[in-house]
Amino acid sequence: MPATQSSLSVLVVDDNISTCRTLVRLLERSGYSARCAESGLDALATLEINRPKVVFLDVMMPGVDGFDVLRAIRADSHNAPVAVIMYSAMSNPEYMRRAIELGANGYVVKGDLTFAEIQGIIDENLARPN
């Protein structure tokens, strides 16, 4: 795992506040600098101020959904080094295909993951060169 706190920056985006805060707490206990954004608009506002290394982005959110956020992230050249991992309760192949086509670095299903697997996915993306 990288040594500096800034290199461990993760933004978790999920409209389920409990899920978002729980994942942020677990990440912080594991040494990451993590923040929670509870909507797509909140995520985009956070990205204007703070550029995390990894965004863990829920797909299904009201209003601005995960695909809209991903599209906006990839449209801003300042966000080029940000790794975006889409995650959802849906294992829909069409969602997975769409996420990858829009520039996601991965797509995972919430219920299929342990926290150790989430850490592995984040660490793998933290290790990517900018």
Protein backbone atom coordinates (compact mmCIF):
# COMPACT_ATOMS: atom_id res chain seq x y z
CA MET A 1 0.00 0.00 0.00
CA PRO A 2 1.38 3.48 -0.82
CA ALA A 3 2.87 5.46 2.06
CA THR A 4 1.40 8.94 1.81
CA GLN A 5 -2.11 9.81 2.98
CA SER A 6 -2.88 11.84 -0.16
CA SER A 7 -2.12 8.81 -2.31
CA LEU A 8 -4.77 6.87 -0.36
CA SER A 9 -7.65 9.23 -1.14
CA VAL A 10 -10.99 7.52 -1.89
CA LEU A 11 -14.41 9.06 -2.57
CA VAL A 12 -17.39 6.79 -1.91
CA VAL A 13 -20.59 7.86 -3.70
CA ASP A 14 -23.81 6.21 -2.60
CA ASP A 15 -27.31 7.58 -1.94
CA ASN A 16 -27.72 4.98 0.82
CA ILE A 17 -26.23 7.10 3.59
CA SER A 18 -25.69 4.13 5.90
CA THR A 19 -23.80 2.17 3.23
CA CYS A 20 -21.71 5.20 2.30
CA ARG A 21 -20.73 6.09 5.87
CA THR A 22 -20.03 2.47 6.82
CA LEU A 23 -17.68 1.99 3.89
CA VAL A 24 -15.93 5.30 4.64
CA ARG A 25 -15.42 4.29 8.31
CA LEU A 26 -13.99 0.91 7.28
CA LEU A 27 -11.66 2.57 4.77
CA GLU A 28 -10.48 5.14 7.33
CA ARG A 29 -9.76 2.39 9.87
CA SER A 30 -7.63 0.74 7.20
CA GLY A 31 -5.55 3.89 6.66
CA TYR A 32 -7.27 5.45 3.67
CA SER A 33 -8.36 9.08 3.50
CA ALA A 34 -12.02 8.57 2.60
CA ARG A 35 -15.00 10.84 2.05
CA CYS A 36 -18.67 10.18 1.47
CA ALA A 37 -20.80 11.85 -1.21
CA GLU A 38 -24.49 11.06 -0.82
CA SER A 39 -25.61 12.05 -4.32
CA GLY A 40 -24.30 12.48 -7.82
CA LEU A 41 -24.34 16.26 -7.46
CA ASP A 42 -22.49 16.03 -4.13
CA ALA A 43 -19.87 13.84 -5.82
CA LEU A 44 -19.33 16.33 -8.64
CA ALA A 45 -19.05 19.24 -6.18
CA THR A 46 -16.54 17.25 -4.09
CA LEU A 47 -14.47 16.48 -7.20
CA GLU A 48 -14.21 20.21 -7.94
CA ILE A 49 -12.44 20.71 -4.59
CA ASN A 50 -10.77 17.40 -3.82
CA ARG A 51 -9.37 15.01 -6.43
CA PRO A 52 -9.31 11.52 -4.94
CA LYS A 53 -7.21 8.78 -6.47
CA VAL A 54 -10.19 6.37 -6.54
CA VAL A 55 -13.96 6.93 -6.75
CA PHE A 56 -16.23 4.08 -5.67
CA LEU A 57 -19.44 5.08 -7.50
CA ASP A 58 -22.92 3.67 -7.00
CA VAL A 59 -24.82 3.20 -10.25
CA MET A 60 -28.43 3.64 -9.18
CA MET A 61 -29.04 7.01 -7.52
CA PRO A 62 -31.98 9.41 -7.90
CA GLY A 63 -31.50 12.48 -10.09
CA VAL A 64 -27.89 12.38 -11.26
CA ASP A 65 -27.11 8.65 -11.44
CA GLY A 66 -23.71 6.97 -11.47
CA PHE A 67 -23.53 6.92 -15.26
CA ASP A 68 -24.12 10.69 -15.37
CA VAL A 69 -21.39 11.22 -12.76
CA LEU A 70 -19.00 8.94 -14.65
CA ARG A 71 -19.69 10.82 -17.88
CA ALA A 72 -18.95 14.15 -16.14
CA ILE A 73 -15.77 12.80 -14.54
CA ARG A 74 -14.43 11.56 -17.86
CA ALA A 75 -15.41 14.81 -19.64
CA ASP A 76 -13.13 16.84 -17.32
CA SER A 77 -9.45 16.42 -18.26
CA HIS A 78 -8.44 17.25 -14.66
CA ASN A 79 -10.05 13.97 -13.62
CA ALA A 80 -8.08 11.82 -16.08
CA PRO A 81 -5.97 10.14 -13.37
CA VAL A 82 -8.99 9.34 -11.18
CA ALA A 83 -9.88 5.64 -11.15
CA VAL A 84 -13.64 5.07 -11.11
CA ILE A 85 -15.04 1.78 -9.87
CA MET A 86 -18.77 1.47 -10.47
CA TYR A 87 -20.64 -0.62 -7.94
CA SER A 88 -24.25 -1.65 -7.76
CA ALA A 89 -26.63 -4.18 -6.32
CA MET A 90 -27.45 -5.01 -9.96
CA SER A 91 -25.34 -7.57 -11.80
CA ASN A 92 -26.87 -6.40 -15.07
CA PRO A 93 -24.50 -7.14 -18.01
CA GLU A 94 -25.82 -4.08 -19.86
CA TYR A 95 -24.88 -1.84 -16.90
CA MET A 96 -21.42 -3.41 -16.81
CA ARG A 97 -20.90 -2.90 -20.54
CA ARG A 98 -22.14 0.69 -20.37
CA ALA A 99 -19.88 1.52 -17.40
CA ILE A 100 -16.78 0.24 -19.18
CA GLU A 101 -17.73 2.04 -22.41
CA LEU A 102 -18.09 5.31 -20.46
CA GLY A 103 -14.60 4.90 -18.98
CA ALA A 104 -15.04 3.08 -15.68
CA ASN A 105 -11.98 1.20 -14.48
CA GLY A 106 -14.19 -1.58 -13.17
CA TYR A 107 -17.69 -2.67 -12.20
CA VAL A 108 -18.47 -4.72 -9.11
CA VAL A 109 -21.63 -6.04 -7.50
CA LYS A 110 -22.16 -4.85 -3.91
CA GLY A 111 -23.50 -8.06 -2.42
CA ASP A 112 -20.73 -10.17 -3.95
CA LEU A 113 -17.84 -8.36 -2.22
CA THR A 114 -16.13 -8.67 1.11
CA PHE A 115 -14.36 -5.64 2.57
CA ALA A 116 -11.02 -7.34 1.87
CA GLU A 117 -11.99 -7.58 -1.81
CA ILE A 118 -13.00 -3.91 -1.84
CA GLN A 119 -9.59 -3.05 -0.36
CA GLY A 120 -7.89 -5.14 -3.04
CA ILE A 121 -9.77 -3.33 -5.81
CA ILE A 122 -8.91 0.06 -4.32
CA ASP A 123 -5.25 -0.85 -3.75
CA GLU A 124 -4.96 -2.10 -7.32
CA ASN A 125 -6.26 1.23 -8.60
CA LEU A 126 -4.16 3.26 -6.16
CA ALA A 127 -1.10 1.57 -7.62
CA ARG A 128 -1.95 2.75 -11.16
CA PRO A 129 0.38 5.43 -12.48
CA ASN A 130 -1.20 8.89 -12.87
